[in-house]
């Protein structure tokens, strides 16, 4: 797969992920919804479609219902270290943005990963491009996931009469949890097909 098509697939998945999280209002950046527009806006050299300016892919969007802003940063660096994380952190503080999705070509360094876990005041989610080539939630075999809102979660606990510790757990590092930005303590319903009941809906708590 050439670089242009590779990044177009990644870009599409990122946008779908944000819409599924409720970030559907573009604040900064360009609204690019076709491959032709993507090529026109991000290819540096018309004679070489593999030369992509990842900096032009960055954008900022908003979840107006929750009044939250998200920055999406596509890094061109092959190796993401602490200095790169610090640069993004400074951009977020300057722009008063508390949440960022960082997309990069290769896995970040162990030191940078630890640094991310200790970062205060902001949240930076890190995704390798390879993990975003397809939208895993659209696979025909994937059950339907739903992250309960605070109101739904309160009602669920009241009606189930069960404690948090009595429900199955799902890891915060699960690919679907990462896609939806699930946090520890969140409750997910997972709708699965059942040969006997038609569908089966277990609930899991993220840990």
N, C-alpha and C. Protein backbone atom coordinates (compact mmCIF):
# COMPACT_ATOMS: atom_id res chain seq x y z
N UNK A 1 0.85 -1.19 0.00
CA UNK A 1 0.00 0.00 0.00
C UNK A 1 0.89 1.25 0.00
N UNK A 2 0.64 2.18 -0.94
CA UNK A 2 1.47 3.38 -0.98
C UNK A 2 1.11 4.32 0.18
N UNK A 3 1.99 5.29 0.42
CA UNK A 3 1.83 6.18 1.57
C UNK A 3 0.54 6.98 1.51
N UNK A 4 0.17 7.44 0.33
CA UNK A 4 -1.03 8.25 0.18
C UNK A 4 -2.28 7.47 0.59
N UNK A 5 -2.43 6.27 0.05
CA UNK A 5 -3.60 5.46 0.38
C UNK A 5 -3.57 5.04 1.85
N UNK A 6 -2.38 4.72 2.33
CA UNK A 6 -2.19 4.34 3.73
C UNK A 6 -2.71 5.45 4.66
N UNK A 7 -2.28 6.68 4.42
CA UNK A 7 -2.67 7.79 5.28
C UNK A 7 -4.13 8.19 5.09
N UNK A 8 -4.65 8.00 3.89
CA UNK A 8 -6.07 8.28 3.66
C UNK A 8 -6.94 7.35 4.51
N UNK A 9 -6.56 6.07 4.56
CA UNK A 9 -7.31 5.11 5.38
C UNK A 9 -7.22 5.47 6.86
N UNK A 10 -6.02 5.86 7.30
CA UNK A 10 -5.82 6.26 8.70
C UNK A 10 -6.67 7.50 9.01
N UNK A 11 -6.62 8.47 8.12
CA UNK A 11 -7.36 9.72 8.29
C UNK A 11 -8.86 9.47 8.39
N UNK A 12 -9.38 8.58 7.56
CA UNK A 12 -10.80 8.24 7.59
C UNK A 12 -11.19 7.61 8.92
N UNK A 13 -10.37 6.66 9.39
CA UNK A 13 -10.67 5.98 10.65
C UNK A 13 -10.66 6.96 11.81
N UNK A 14 -9.69 7.87 11.83
CA UNK A 14 -9.62 8.87 12.90
C UNK A 14 -10.90 9.71 12.92
N UNK A 15 -11.35 10.14 11.75
CA UNK A 15 -12.56 10.96 11.68
C UNK A 15 -13.80 10.18 12.11
N UNK A 16 -13.87 8.91 11.73
CA UNK A 16 -15.00 8.07 12.16
C UNK A 16 -14.98 7.87 13.67
N UNK A 17 -13.79 7.67 14.22
CA UNK A 17 -13.63 7.48 15.66
C UNK A 17 -14.10 8.72 16.42
N UNK A 18 -13.74 9.89 15.92
CA UNK A 18 -14.14 11.13 16.58
C UNK A 18 -15.65 11.35 16.49
N UNK A 19 -16.22 11.06 15.33
CA UNK A 19 -17.69 11.21 15.20
C UNK A 19 -18.41 10.26 16.15
N UNK A 20 -17.87 9.03 16.30
CA UNK A 20 -18.48 8.07 17.21
C UNK A 20 -18.35 8.50 18.67
N UNK A 21 -17.40 9.38 18.94
CA UNK A 21 -17.24 9.92 20.30
C UNK A 21 -18.03 11.22 20.48
N UNK A 22 -18.67 11.68 19.42
CA UNK A 22 -19.48 12.89 19.52
C UNK A 22 -18.79 14.16 19.08
N UNK A 23 -17.56 14.04 18.55
CA UNK A 23 -16.83 15.22 18.08
C UNK A 23 -17.16 15.42 16.60
N UNK A 24 -18.20 16.17 16.34
CA UNK A 24 -18.68 16.31 14.96
C UNK A 24 -18.64 17.74 14.44
N UNK A 25 -17.98 18.64 15.19
CA UNK A 25 -17.92 20.04 14.76
C UNK A 25 -16.46 20.45 14.58
N UNK A 26 -16.08 20.76 13.35
CA UNK A 26 -14.70 21.14 13.05
C UNK A 26 -14.44 22.59 13.44
N UNK A 27 -13.38 22.81 14.21
CA UNK A 27 -13.01 24.16 14.64
C UNK A 27 -11.85 24.70 13.81
N UNK A 28 -10.82 23.88 13.63
CA UNK A 28 -9.65 24.28 12.86
C UNK A 28 -9.21 23.12 11.98
N UNK A 29 -8.80 23.44 10.75
CA UNK A 29 -8.44 22.40 9.80
C UNK A 29 -9.43 22.40 8.65
N UNK A 30 -9.29 21.44 7.76
CA UNK A 30 -10.16 21.38 6.59
C UNK A 30 -11.06 20.16 6.63
N UNK A 31 -12.28 20.36 6.14
CA UNK A 31 -13.23 19.26 6.06
C UNK A 31 -12.98 18.49 4.76
N UNK A 32 -12.29 17.37 4.87
CA UNK A 32 -11.91 16.60 3.68
C UNK A 32 -12.64 15.26 3.70
N UNK A 33 -13.52 15.06 2.73
CA UNK A 33 -14.36 13.87 2.74
C UNK A 33 -14.18 12.97 1.52
N UNK A 34 -13.23 13.30 0.65
CA UNK A 34 -12.98 12.44 -0.51
C UNK A 34 -11.48 12.23 -0.68
N UNK A 35 -11.13 11.14 -1.33
CA UNK A 35 -9.72 10.83 -1.57
C UNK A 35 -9.07 11.91 -2.44
N UNK A 36 -9.83 12.45 -3.41
CA UNK A 36 -9.29 13.47 -4.30
C UNK A 36 -8.93 14.74 -3.53
N UNK A 37 -9.79 15.15 -2.61
CA UNK A 37 -9.50 16.33 -1.79
C UNK A 37 -8.30 16.07 -0.88
N UNK A 38 -8.22 14.86 -0.36
CA UNK A 38 -7.11 14.51 0.52
C UNK A 38 -5.79 14.61 -0.23
N UNK A 39 -5.75 14.07 -1.43
CA UNK A 39 -4.53 14.13 -2.25
C UNK A 39 -4.18 15.58 -2.59
N UNK A 40 -5.17 16.36 -2.93
CA UNK A 40 -4.95 17.76 -3.32
C UNK A 40 -4.40 18.59 -2.17
N UNK A 41 -4.84 18.31 -0.94
CA UNK A 41 -4.46 19.14 0.21
C UNK A 41 -3.20 18.68 0.92
N UNK A 42 -2.82 17.41 0.79
CA UNK A 42 -1.74 16.90 1.63
C UNK A 42 -0.51 16.37 0.90
N UNK A 43 -0.59 16.21 -0.41
CA UNK A 43 0.58 15.75 -1.16
C UNK A 43 1.49 16.94 -1.42
N UNK A 44 2.76 16.82 -1.02
CA UNK A 44 3.71 17.92 -1.17
C UNK A 44 4.19 18.09 -2.61
N UNK A 45 4.35 16.97 -3.31
CA UNK A 45 4.88 16.99 -4.67
C UNK A 45 3.92 16.23 -5.58
N UNK A 46 3.32 16.92 -6.53
CA UNK A 46 2.34 16.30 -7.42
C UNK A 46 2.93 15.15 -8.22
N UNK A 47 4.26 15.15 -8.38
CA UNK A 47 4.93 14.10 -9.14
C UNK A 47 5.26 12.88 -8.27
N UNK A 48 5.08 13.03 -6.95
CA UNK A 48 5.40 11.92 -6.04
C UNK A 48 4.36 11.88 -4.92
N UNK A 49 3.37 11.01 -5.07
CA UNK A 49 2.26 10.96 -4.12
C UNK A 49 2.67 10.38 -2.76
N UNK A 50 3.91 9.87 -2.66
CA UNK A 50 4.38 9.34 -1.37
C UNK A 50 4.88 10.45 -0.44
N UNK A 51 5.05 11.66 -0.98
CA UNK A 51 5.51 12.78 -0.15
C UNK A 51 4.29 13.49 0.44
N UNK A 52 3.94 13.09 1.65
CA UNK A 52 2.77 13.64 2.33
C UNK A 52 3.21 14.55 3.46
N UNK A 53 2.62 15.73 3.53
CA UNK A 53 2.90 16.65 4.63
C UNK A 53 1.90 16.36 5.75
N UNK A 54 2.33 15.57 6.73
CA UNK A 54 1.42 15.19 7.82
C UNK A 54 0.96 16.39 8.64
N UNK A 55 1.77 17.45 8.69
CA UNK A 55 1.37 18.63 9.46
C UNK A 55 0.08 19.25 8.94
N UNK A 56 -0.18 19.11 7.65
CA UNK A 56 -1.40 19.69 7.08
C UNK A 56 -2.63 18.85 7.42
N UNK A 57 -2.42 17.66 7.98
CA UNK A 57 -3.53 16.78 8.33
C UNK A 57 -4.09 17.08 9.72
N UNK A 58 -3.37 17.88 10.51
CA UNK A 58 -3.82 18.18 11.87
C UNK A 58 -5.11 18.98 11.87
N UNK A 59 -5.94 18.74 12.88
CA UNK A 59 -7.17 19.53 12.99
C UNK A 59 -7.67 19.54 14.44
N UNK A 60 -8.62 20.42 14.70
CA UNK A 60 -9.23 20.54 16.03
C UNK A 60 -10.74 20.45 15.86
N UNK A 61 -11.39 19.67 16.71
CA UNK A 61 -12.84 19.52 16.61
C UNK A 61 -13.48 19.59 17.99
N UNK A 62 -14.80 19.67 18.00
CA UNK A 62 -15.51 19.89 19.26
C UNK A 62 -16.69 18.95 19.41
N UNK A 63 -16.89 18.49 20.65
CA UNK A 63 -18.10 17.78 21.04
C UNK A 63 -18.97 18.83 21.73
N UNK A 64 -19.92 19.40 20.98
CA UNK A 64 -20.69 20.53 21.51
C UNK A 64 -21.63 20.11 22.64
N UNK A 65 -22.07 18.86 22.61
CA UNK A 65 -22.97 18.39 23.67
C UNK A 65 -22.27 18.37 25.02
N UNK A 66 -20.99 17.96 25.01
CA UNK A 66 -20.22 17.88 26.26
C UNK A 66 -19.30 19.08 26.45
N UNK A 67 -19.30 19.99 25.46
CA UNK A 67 -18.46 21.19 25.52
C UNK A 67 -16.98 20.81 25.70
N UNK A 68 -16.52 19.86 24.86
CA UNK A 68 -15.14 19.41 24.92
C UNK A 68 -14.47 19.60 23.56
N UNK A 69 -13.17 19.92 23.60
CA UNK A 69 -12.40 20.15 22.38
C UNK A 69 -11.30 19.10 22.26
N UNK A 70 -11.08 18.62 21.06
CA UNK A 70 -10.07 17.59 20.79
C UNK A 70 -9.12 18.07 19.69
N UNK A 71 -7.83 17.93 19.94
CA UNK A 71 -6.83 18.20 18.91
C UNK A 71 -6.34 16.87 18.34
N UNK A 72 -6.21 16.80 17.03
CA UNK A 72 -5.66 15.60 16.38
C UNK A 72 -4.34 15.99 15.74
N UNK A 73 -3.28 15.27 16.12
CA UNK A 73 -1.93 15.62 15.68
C UNK A 73 -1.30 14.42 14.98
N UNK A 74 -0.99 14.58 13.70
CA UNK A 74 -0.32 13.53 12.93
C UNK A 74 1.17 13.83 12.90
N UNK A 75 1.94 12.99 13.58
CA UNK A 75 3.38 13.22 13.65
C UNK A 75 4.09 12.54 12.48
N UNK A 76 5.11 13.20 11.96
CA UNK A 76 5.92 12.62 10.89
C UNK A 76 7.14 11.89 11.44
N UNK A 77 7.37 12.03 12.75
CA UNK A 77 8.56 11.45 13.36
C UNK A 77 8.47 9.93 13.43
N UNK A 78 9.52 9.26 12.99
CA UNK A 78 9.55 7.80 13.06
C UNK A 78 9.63 7.32 14.50
N UNK A 79 10.35 8.08 15.32
CA UNK A 79 10.49 7.73 16.74
C UNK A 79 9.96 8.87 17.59
N UNK A 80 8.95 8.58 18.40
CA UNK A 80 8.37 9.59 19.28
C UNK A 80 9.01 9.47 20.65
N UNK A 81 9.72 10.53 21.05
CA UNK A 81 10.35 10.56 22.36
C UNK A 81 9.72 11.62 23.24
N UNK A 82 10.31 11.81 24.40
CA UNK A 82 9.76 12.76 25.37
C UNK A 82 9.73 14.18 24.81
N UNK A 83 10.76 14.57 24.03
CA UNK A 83 10.78 15.95 23.52
C UNK A 83 9.62 16.21 22.57
N UNK A 84 9.19 15.18 21.82
CA UNK A 84 8.05 15.35 20.92
C UNK A 84 6.74 15.47 21.71
N UNK A 85 6.63 14.67 22.78
CA UNK A 85 5.44 14.75 23.63
C UNK A 85 5.37 16.13 24.29
N UNK A 86 6.52 16.62 24.73
CA UNK A 86 6.57 17.94 25.37
C UNK A 86 6.13 19.04 24.40
N UNK A 87 6.53 18.92 23.15
CA UNK A 87 6.14 19.89 22.13
C UNK A 87 4.62 19.92 21.95
N UNK A 88 4.02 18.74 21.90
CA UNK A 88 2.56 18.65 21.75
C UNK A 88 1.87 19.18 23.01
N UNK A 89 2.43 18.84 24.16
CA UNK A 89 1.89 19.32 25.44
C UNK A 89 1.86 20.85 25.47
N UNK A 90 2.94 21.47 25.03
CA UNK A 90 3.01 22.94 25.01
C UNK A 90 1.96 23.53 24.07
N UNK A 91 1.75 22.88 22.92
CA UNK A 91 0.72 23.34 21.97
C UNK A 91 -0.66 23.29 22.62
N UNK A 92 -0.90 22.22 23.37
CA UNK A 92 -2.20 22.06 24.01
C UNK A 92 -2.42 23.12 25.09
N UNK A 93 -1.41 23.35 25.90
CA UNK A 93 -1.52 24.35 26.97
C UNK A 93 -1.74 25.74 26.37
N UNK A 94 -0.98 26.05 25.31
CA UNK A 94 -1.12 27.36 24.65
C UNK A 94 -2.51 27.53 24.06
N UNK A 95 -3.03 26.46 23.46
CA UNK A 95 -4.35 26.53 22.84
C UNK A 95 -5.49 26.23 23.78
N UNK A 96 -5.16 25.98 25.06
CA UNK A 96 -6.16 25.65 26.08
C UNK A 96 -6.99 24.44 25.66
N UNK A 97 -6.29 23.43 25.18
CA UNK A 97 -6.91 22.17 24.75
C UNK A 97 -6.48 21.08 25.72
N UNK A 98 -7.42 20.35 26.25
CA UNK A 98 -7.10 19.37 27.29
C UNK A 98 -6.99 17.93 26.78
N UNK A 99 -7.35 17.71 25.50
CA UNK A 99 -7.37 16.33 25.00
C UNK A 99 -6.79 16.29 23.58
N UNK A 100 -5.94 15.30 23.33
CA UNK A 100 -5.30 15.18 22.02
C UNK A 100 -5.21 13.71 21.61
N UNK A 101 -5.41 13.47 20.33
CA UNK A 101 -5.12 12.16 19.75
C UNK A 101 -3.86 12.32 18.91
N UNK A 102 -2.83 11.59 19.28
CA UNK A 102 -1.54 11.63 18.60
C UNK A 102 -1.42 10.39 17.72
N UNK A 103 -1.24 10.61 16.42
CA UNK A 103 -1.09 9.52 15.46
C UNK A 103 0.33 9.55 14.91
N UNK A 104 1.01 8.40 14.95
CA UNK A 104 2.42 8.38 14.57
C UNK A 104 2.76 7.10 13.79
N UNK A 105 3.81 7.13 12.96
CA UNK A 105 4.14 5.99 12.09
C UNK A 105 4.59 4.74 12.83
N UNK A 106 5.38 4.91 13.89
CA UNK A 106 5.94 3.79 14.63
C UNK A 106 5.60 3.91 16.12
N UNK A 107 5.72 2.80 16.88
CA UNK A 107 5.43 2.87 18.33
C UNK A 107 6.31 3.90 19.03
N UNK A 108 5.75 4.54 20.05
CA UNK A 108 6.52 5.53 20.81
C UNK A 108 7.53 4.82 21.70
N UNK A 109 8.54 5.55 22.13
CA UNK A 109 9.58 4.97 22.97
C UNK A 109 9.01 4.64 24.35
N UNK A 110 9.59 3.65 25.05
CA UNK A 110 9.12 3.30 26.40
C UNK A 110 9.14 4.50 27.35
N UNK A 111 10.17 5.34 27.22
CA UNK A 111 10.26 6.52 28.10
C UNK A 111 9.12 7.49 27.82
N UNK A 112 8.79 7.67 26.53
CA UNK A 112 7.70 8.58 26.17
C UNK A 112 6.36 8.02 26.65
N UNK A 113 6.21 6.70 26.59
CA UNK A 113 4.97 6.06 27.04
C UNK A 113 4.77 6.30 28.54
N UNK A 114 5.83 6.16 29.32
CA UNK A 114 5.75 6.42 30.76
C UNK A 114 5.44 7.89 31.03
N UNK A 115 6.06 8.75 30.22
CA UNK A 115 5.84 10.19 30.37
C UNK A 115 4.37 10.53 30.12
N UNK A 116 3.78 9.90 29.11
CA UNK A 116 2.37 10.13 28.79
C UNK A 116 1.47 9.75 29.97
N UNK A 117 1.79 8.63 30.61
CA UNK A 117 0.98 8.14 31.71
C UNK A 117 1.01 9.09 32.91
N UNK A 118 2.09 9.87 33.02
CA UNK A 118 2.24 10.78 34.16
C UNK A 118 1.86 12.22 33.83
N UNK A 119 1.49 12.46 32.57
CA UNK A 119 1.17 13.82 32.15
C UNK A 119 -0.02 14.38 32.93
N UNK A 120 0.15 15.58 33.45
CA UNK A 120 -0.89 16.24 34.22
C UNK A 120 -1.60 17.29 33.36
N UNK A 121 -2.84 17.60 33.71
CA UNK A 121 -3.64 18.68 33.12
C UNK A 121 -4.20 18.34 31.74
N UNK A 122 -3.53 17.48 30.97
CA UNK A 122 -4.02 17.14 29.64
C UNK A 122 -4.02 15.63 29.45
N UNK A 123 -4.78 15.18 28.45
CA UNK A 123 -4.81 13.76 28.08
C UNK A 123 -4.32 13.63 26.64
N UNK A 124 -3.31 12.79 26.43
CA UNK A 124 -2.80 12.53 25.09
C UNK A 124 -2.93 11.04 24.81
N UNK A 125 -3.78 10.69 23.85
CA UNK A 125 -3.95 9.30 23.44
C UNK A 125 -3.02 9.04 22.26
N UNK A 126 -2.31 7.93 22.32
CA UNK A 126 -1.32 7.61 21.31
C UNK A 126 -1.77 6.43 20.45
N UNK A 127 -1.76 6.61 19.12
CA UNK A 127 -2.14 5.56 18.19
C UNK A 127 -1.09 5.39 17.10
N UNK A 128 -0.68 4.16 16.86
CA UNK A 128 0.20 3.86 15.72
C UNK A 128 -0.66 3.81 14.46
N UNK A 129 -0.15 4.32 13.36
CA UNK A 129 -0.92 4.37 12.11
C UNK A 129 -1.47 3.01 11.72
N UNK A 130 -0.66 1.97 11.87
CA UNK A 130 -1.09 0.62 11.48
C UNK A 130 -2.38 0.19 12.18
N UNK A 131 -2.57 0.67 13.41
CA UNK A 131 -3.76 0.30 14.18
C UNK A 131 -5.02 1.02 13.70
N UNK A 132 -4.85 1.98 12.80
CA UNK A 132 -5.99 2.78 12.34
C UNK A 132 -6.26 2.60 10.85
N UNK A 133 -5.65 1.60 10.25
CA UNK A 133 -5.85 1.38 8.81
C UNK A 133 -7.28 0.98 8.50
N UNK A 134 -7.92 0.29 9.45
CA UNK A 134 -9.33 -0.07 9.29
C UNK A 134 -10.08 0.29 10.56
N UNK A 135 -11.37 0.49 10.42
CA UNK A 135 -12.23 0.75 11.57
C UNK A 135 -12.73 -0.59 12.09
N UNK A 136 -12.16 -1.03 13.21
CA UNK A 136 -12.48 -2.36 13.72
C UNK A 136 -13.95 -2.49 14.12
N UNK A 137 -14.60 -1.39 14.45
CA UNK A 137 -16.00 -1.46 14.88
C UNK A 137 -16.94 -1.76 13.72
N UNK A 138 -16.44 -1.64 12.48
CA UNK A 138 -17.28 -1.90 11.31
C UNK A 138 -17.17 -3.33 10.80
N UNK A 139 -16.31 -4.12 11.42
CA UNK A 139 -16.17 -5.51 10.99
C UNK A 139 -17.48 -6.25 11.23
N UNK A 140 -17.90 -7.07 10.27
CA UNK A 140 -19.21 -7.73 10.36
C UNK A 140 -19.32 -8.69 11.54
N UNK A 141 -18.19 -9.17 12.05
CA UNK A 141 -18.22 -10.09 13.18
C UNK A 141 -18.13 -9.37 14.53
N UNK A 142 -17.93 -8.06 14.50
CA UNK A 142 -17.76 -7.31 15.73
C UNK A 142 -19.11 -7.03 16.38
N UNK A 143 -19.29 -7.37 17.66
CA UNK A 143 -20.55 -7.04 18.34
C UNK A 143 -20.68 -5.53 18.48
N UNK A 144 -21.88 -5.08 18.82
CA UNK A 144 -22.12 -3.64 18.96
C UNK A 144 -21.80 -3.20 20.38
N UNK A 145 -20.89 -2.24 20.50
CA UNK A 145 -20.50 -1.69 21.80
C UNK A 145 -21.21 -0.36 22.04
N UNK A 146 -21.58 -0.15 23.29
CA UNK A 146 -22.16 1.15 23.67
C UNK A 146 -21.63 1.54 25.03
N UNK A 147 -21.06 2.75 25.12
CA UNK A 147 -20.56 3.26 26.39
C UNK A 147 -21.70 3.99 27.08
N UNK A 148 -22.09 3.51 28.25
CA UNK A 148 -23.21 4.12 28.96
C UNK A 148 -22.87 5.54 29.41
N UNK A 149 -23.83 6.44 29.24
CA UNK A 149 -23.67 7.79 29.76
C UNK A 149 -23.77 7.73 31.29
N UNK A 150 -23.43 8.82 31.95
CA UNK A 150 -23.52 8.85 33.42
C UNK A 150 -24.94 8.56 33.89
N UNK A 151 -25.93 9.11 33.18
CA UNK A 151 -27.33 8.88 33.55
C UNK A 151 -27.70 7.42 33.35
N UNK A 152 -27.28 6.84 32.21
CA UNK A 152 -27.57 5.43 31.93
C UNK A 152 -26.88 4.53 32.95
N UNK A 153 -25.65 4.89 33.33
CA UNK A 153 -24.90 4.08 34.28
C UNK A 153 -25.57 4.09 35.66
N UNK A 154 -26.02 5.26 36.10
CA UNK A 154 -26.70 5.36 37.40
C UNK A 154 -27.97 4.51 37.41
N UNK A 155 -28.74 4.61 36.32
CA UNK A 155 -29.98 3.84 36.22
C UNK A 155 -29.69 2.35 36.17
N UNK A 156 -28.63 1.98 35.46
CA UNK A 156 -28.27 0.58 35.33
C UNK A 156 -27.92 -0.03 36.69
N UNK A 157 -27.12 0.67 37.47
CA UNK A 157 -26.73 0.15 38.79
C UNK A 157 -27.94 0.05 39.72
N UNK A 158 -28.86 1.01 39.60
CA UNK A 158 -30.05 0.98 40.46
C UNK A 158 -30.95 -0.20 40.12
N UNK A 159 -31.14 -0.45 38.83
CA UNK A 159 -32.05 -1.52 38.40
C UNK A 159 -31.43 -2.91 38.53
N UNK A 160 -30.11 -3.00 38.35
CA UNK A 160 -29.46 -4.32 38.43
C UNK A 160 -29.23 -4.77 39.86
N UNK A 161 -29.12 -3.78 40.77
CA UNK A 161 -28.88 -4.05 42.19
C UNK A 161 -27.59 -4.84 42.42
N UNK A 162 -26.64 -4.65 41.54
CA UNK A 162 -25.35 -5.31 41.66
C UNK A 162 -24.26 -4.26 41.88
N UNK A 163 -23.18 -4.69 42.48
CA UNK A 163 -22.05 -3.80 42.71
C UNK A 163 -21.10 -3.83 41.51
N UNK A 164 -20.32 -2.77 41.41
CA UNK A 164 -19.35 -2.65 40.33
C UNK A 164 -18.46 -3.89 40.22
N UNK A 165 -18.04 -4.42 41.35
CA UNK A 165 -17.11 -5.55 41.39
C UNK A 165 -17.73 -6.86 40.91
N UNK A 166 -19.05 -6.89 40.74
CA UNK A 166 -19.74 -8.12 40.35
C UNK A 166 -19.86 -8.29 38.83
N UNK A 167 -19.41 -7.30 38.08
CA UNK A 167 -19.52 -7.36 36.62
C UNK A 167 -18.20 -7.79 35.98
N UNK A 168 -18.27 -8.43 34.82
CA UNK A 168 -17.04 -8.78 34.10
C UNK A 168 -16.24 -7.52 33.78
N UNK A 169 -14.94 -7.67 33.67
CA UNK A 169 -14.07 -6.53 33.39
C UNK A 169 -13.65 -6.53 31.93
N UNK A 170 -13.32 -5.35 31.45
CA UNK A 170 -12.74 -5.21 30.12
C UNK A 170 -11.58 -4.22 30.25
N UNK A 171 -10.46 -4.55 29.64
CA UNK A 171 -9.25 -3.74 29.80
C UNK A 171 -9.37 -2.40 29.08
N UNK A 172 -8.81 -1.38 29.70
CA UNK A 172 -8.77 -0.05 29.09
C UNK A 172 -7.93 -0.07 27.81
N UNK A 173 -7.08 -1.10 27.66
CA UNK A 173 -6.24 -1.23 26.47
C UNK A 173 -6.88 -2.09 25.38
N UNK A 174 -8.10 -2.56 25.62
CA UNK A 174 -8.83 -3.28 24.58
C UNK A 174 -8.99 -2.35 23.37
N UNK A 175 -8.76 -2.85 22.15
CA UNK A 175 -8.83 -1.99 20.96
C UNK A 175 -10.13 -1.21 20.82
N UNK A 176 -11.26 -1.83 21.17
CA UNK A 176 -12.53 -1.12 21.06
C UNK A 176 -12.65 -0.05 22.14
N UNK A 177 -12.15 -0.34 23.33
CA UNK A 177 -12.15 0.67 24.40
C UNK A 177 -11.30 1.87 23.99
N UNK A 178 -10.18 1.60 23.35
CA UNK A 178 -9.32 2.68 22.89
C UNK A 178 -10.02 3.49 21.79
N UNK A 179 -10.73 2.81 20.93
CA UNK A 179 -11.45 3.49 19.84
C UNK A 179 -12.46 4.48 20.41
N UNK A 180 -13.20 4.06 21.42
CA UNK A 180 -14.24 4.92 21.99
C UNK A 180 -13.72 5.85 23.10
N UNK A 181 -12.44 5.71 23.45
CA UNK A 181 -11.90 6.57 24.50
C UNK A 181 -12.46 6.24 25.87
N UNK A 182 -12.71 4.96 26.11
CA UNK A 182 -13.30 4.52 27.37
C UNK A 182 -12.33 4.74 28.53
N UNK A 183 -12.87 5.17 29.67
CA UNK A 183 -12.06 5.41 30.86
C UNK A 183 -12.35 4.34 31.92
N UNK A 184 -11.42 4.19 32.85
CA UNK A 184 -11.62 3.24 33.94
C UNK A 184 -12.89 3.60 34.72
N UNK A 185 -13.71 2.58 34.98
CA UNK A 185 -14.97 2.81 35.69
C UNK A 185 -16.16 2.96 34.77
N UNK A 186 -15.91 3.18 33.47
CA UNK A 186 -17.01 3.26 32.51
C UNK A 186 -17.65 1.88 32.34
N UNK A 187 -18.94 1.88 32.00
CA UNK A 187 -19.67 0.64 31.78
C UNK A 187 -20.04 0.54 30.30
N UNK A 188 -19.81 -0.63 29.72
CA UNK A 188 -20.14 -0.86 28.31
C UNK A 188 -21.16 -1.98 28.18
N UNK A 189 -22.13 -1.78 27.30
CA UNK A 189 -23.01 -2.88 26.92
C UNK A 189 -22.46 -3.44 25.61
N UNK A 190 -22.46 -4.76 25.49
CA UNK A 190 -21.92 -5.41 24.29
C UNK A 190 -23.01 -6.32 23.73
N UNK A 191 -23.63 -5.89 22.64
CA UNK A 191 -24.74 -6.63 22.05
C UNK A 191 -24.20 -7.69 21.10
N UNK A 192 -24.44 -8.95 21.46
CA UNK A 192 -23.98 -10.08 20.64
C UNK A 192 -25.18 -10.86 20.11
N UNK A 193 -24.99 -11.47 18.95
CA UNK A 193 -26.04 -12.31 18.40
C UNK A 193 -26.11 -13.63 19.16
N UNK A 194 -27.34 -14.12 19.37
CA UNK A 194 -27.54 -15.38 20.07
C UNK A 194 -28.48 -16.26 19.26
N UNK A 195 -28.10 -17.52 19.08
CA UNK A 195 -28.92 -18.44 18.30
C UNK A 195 -30.24 -18.75 19.00
N UNK A 196 -30.26 -18.65 20.32
CA UNK A 196 -31.48 -18.99 21.07
C UNK A 196 -32.31 -17.76 21.42
N UNK A 197 -31.65 -16.69 21.85
CA UNK A 197 -32.39 -15.51 22.32
C UNK A 197 -32.47 -14.39 21.29
N UNK A 198 -31.80 -14.56 20.16
CA UNK A 198 -31.77 -13.50 19.15
C UNK A 198 -30.61 -12.56 19.39
N UNK A 199 -30.51 -12.06 20.62
CA UNK A 199 -29.35 -11.25 20.99
C UNK A 199 -29.10 -11.38 22.48
N UNK A 200 -27.86 -11.16 22.85
CA UNK A 200 -27.42 -11.28 24.24
C UNK A 200 -26.62 -10.02 24.57
N UNK A 201 -26.99 -9.35 25.67
CA UNK A 201 -26.36 -8.07 26.00
C UNK A 201 -25.72 -8.11 27.38
N UNK A 202 -24.46 -8.54 27.47
CA UNK A 202 -23.74 -8.48 28.75
C UNK A 202 -23.18 -7.08 28.98
N UNK A 203 -22.88 -6.78 30.23
CA UNK A 203 -22.30 -5.48 30.58
C UNK A 203 -20.92 -5.71 31.18
N UNK A 204 -19.99 -4.85 30.80
CA UNK A 204 -18.62 -4.95 31.30
C UNK A 204 -18.18 -3.61 31.89
N UNK A 205 -17.35 -3.69 32.91
CA UNK A 205 -16.79 -2.48 33.52
C UNK A 205 -15.33 -2.37 33.10
N UNK A 206 -14.93 -1.18 32.67
CA UNK A 206 -13.56 -0.97 32.21
C UNK A 206 -12.61 -0.82 33.41
N UNK A 207 -11.47 -1.52 33.33
CA UNK A 207 -10.47 -1.36 34.39
C UNK A 207 -9.08 -1.20 33.80
